Amino acid sequence: MSPEDMAAEAPCHSGPRENWCDRRGPAGFMGHTCTKPVWRVLNAITAEISKSERDHGPGFHSDHEAYAVLLEELDEVWDWVKMRKADRDREKMVKELVQVAAVATRWATQLLEKGKS
């Protein structure tokens, strides 16, 4: 299935065409160009995974390392959660949550790839 076909099957492309998203922006996750928040987040996760693999290599050395990195990212989210709501920076919280999702996705992907060998 092509990225265009996958994007056409995106949740925001169900039902009548007039309810579809606007598809603005550069192609991202699965070739989807939607500006709806879920697609923006998925695009950010895939970009974070690419950046992390470029900076640190394709995988973790062990599950212990993966867990430690994931815990570190979760601790950074927890630091924001402990703040008074008025003092929280939503954009920075989203950035940290994207990093959590990217680490978890890299780890899960690595586990699946190891299962093939």
Protein backbone atom coordinates (compact mmCIF):
# COMPACT_ATOMS: atom_id res chain seq x y z
CA MET A 1 0.00 0.00 0.00
CA SER A 2 1.40 3.37 -0.97
CA PRO A 3 1.73 6.23 1.53
CA GLU A 4 -1.02 8.04 -0.36
CA ASP A 5 -3.34 5.05 0.02
CA MET A 6 -2.54 4.79 3.73
CA ALA A 7 -3.19 8.51 4.21
CA ALA A 8 -6.51 8.15 2.39
CA GLU A 9 -7.48 5.54 4.99
CA ALA A 10 -6.56 7.84 7.89
CA PRO A 11 -9.26 8.25 10.57
CA CYS A 12 -9.84 11.86 9.57
CA HIS A 13 -10.54 10.66 6.02
CA SER A 14 -13.59 8.57 6.86
CA GLY A 15 -17.15 9.55 6.17
CA PRO A 16 -18.21 12.28 3.77
CA ARG A 17 -15.37 14.05 1.98
CA GLU A 18 -16.46 17.44 3.35
CA ASN A 19 -15.50 16.20 6.85
CA TRP A 20 -11.96 15.26 5.82
CA CYS A 21 -9.01 17.17 7.22
CA ASP A 22 -7.34 19.95 5.26
CA ARG A 23 -4.08 18.00 4.52
CA ARG A 24 -1.87 21.09 4.77
CA GLY A 25 1.79 20.86 5.60
CA PRO A 26 4.68 18.61 4.54
CA ALA A 27 4.17 14.89 4.12
CA GLY A 28 4.79 13.12 7.39
CA PHE A 29 3.67 9.94 9.13
CA MET A 30 2.54 7.44 6.48
CA GLY A 31 2.64 10.27 3.94
CA HIS A 32 -0.14 12.05 5.80
CA THR A 33 -0.18 15.83 5.63
CA CYS A 34 -3.05 16.57 8.00
CA THR A 35 -2.75 19.36 10.55
CA LYS A 36 -5.02 17.60 13.08
CA PRO A 37 -3.23 17.18 16.42
CA VAL A 38 -2.98 13.37 16.29
CA TRP A 39 -1.16 13.49 12.95
CA ARG A 40 1.07 16.34 14.10
CA VAL A 41 2.07 14.23 17.12
CA LEU A 42 2.67 11.10 15.02
CA ASN A 43 4.80 13.14 12.62
CA ALA A 44 6.78 14.53 15.56
CA ILE A 45 7.31 11.00 16.94
CA THR A 46 8.66 9.71 13.63
CA ALA A 47 10.94 12.76 13.34
CA GLU A 48 12.18 12.19 16.91
CA ILE A 49 12.89 8.52 16.16
CA SER A 50 14.91 9.51 13.08
CA LYS A 51 16.84 12.12 15.05
CA SER A 52 17.53 9.69 17.88
CA GLU A 53 18.75 6.98 15.51
CA ARG A 54 20.97 9.50 13.74
CA ASP A 55 22.43 10.78 17.02
CA HIS A 56 22.65 7.52 18.99
CA GLY A 57 22.56 4.66 16.50
CA PRO A 58 19.78 2.34 15.42
CA GLY A 59 19.05 0.59 18.71
CA PHE A 60 19.57 0.14 22.41
CA HIS A 61 22.40 -2.04 23.69
CA SER A 62 20.04 -3.81 26.10
CA ASP A 63 16.54 -3.73 27.52
CA HIS A 64 18.09 -2.27 30.67
CA GLU A 65 19.39 0.71 28.66
CA ALA A 66 16.05 1.16 26.89
CA TYR A 67 14.20 1.12 30.22
CA ALA A 68 16.63 3.67 31.69
CA VAL A 69 16.18 6.04 28.75
CA LEU A 70 12.39 5.65 28.89
CA LEU A 71 12.37 6.30 32.63
CA GLU A 72 14.53 9.39 32.18
CA GLU A 73 12.07 10.78 29.62
CA LEU A 74 9.09 9.95 31.87
CA ASP A 75 10.80 11.70 34.78
CA GLU A 76 11.05 14.83 32.65
CA VAL A 77 7.29 14.66 32.00
CA TRP A 78 6.72 14.10 35.73
CA ASP A 79 8.68 17.28 36.48
CA TRP A 80 6.14 19.22 34.39
CA VAL A 81 3.15 17.43 35.92
CA LYS A 82 4.27 18.35 39.45
CA MET A 83 4.21 22.05 38.55
CA ARG A 84 1.18 24.20 39.13
CA LYS A 85 -1.01 24.00 36.05
CA ALA A 86 -0.58 27.74 35.42
CA ASP A 87 3.22 27.32 35.34
CA ARG A 88 3.31 24.41 32.88
CA ASP A 89 4.57 24.93 29.35
CA ARG A 90 2.28 22.83 27.14
CA GLU A 91 4.62 22.85 24.14
CA LYS A 92 7.52 21.58 26.26
CA MET A 93 5.27 18.93 27.82
CA VAL A 94 4.26 17.76 24.35
CA LYS A 95 7.92 17.65 23.32
CA GLU A 96 8.72 15.44 26.32
CA LEU A 97 5.74 13.18 25.65
CA VAL A 98 6.85 12.83 22.03
CA GLN A 99 10.26 11.74 23.31
CA VAL A 100 8.61 9.16 25.60
CA ALA A 101 6.62 7.80 22.67
CA ALA A 102 9.69 7.74 20.42
CA VAL A 103 11.75 5.80 22.98
CA ALA A 104 8.92 3.32 23.57
CA THR A 105 8.42 2.88 19.82
CA ARG A 106 12.14 2.35 19.18
CA TRP A 107 12.29 -0.21 21.98
CA ALA A 108 9.15 -2.08 20.83
CA THR A 109 10.41 -2.08 17.25
CA GLN A 110 13.77 -3.42 18.35
CA LEU A 111 12.08 -6.21 20.32
CA LEU A 112 10.01 -7.21 17.29
CA GLU A 113 13.06 -7.14 15.01
CA LYS A 114 15.05 -9.30 17.45
CA GLY A 115 12.19 -11.79 17.48
CA LYS A 116 12.64 -12.38 13.75
CA SER A 117 16.21 -13.67 14.08
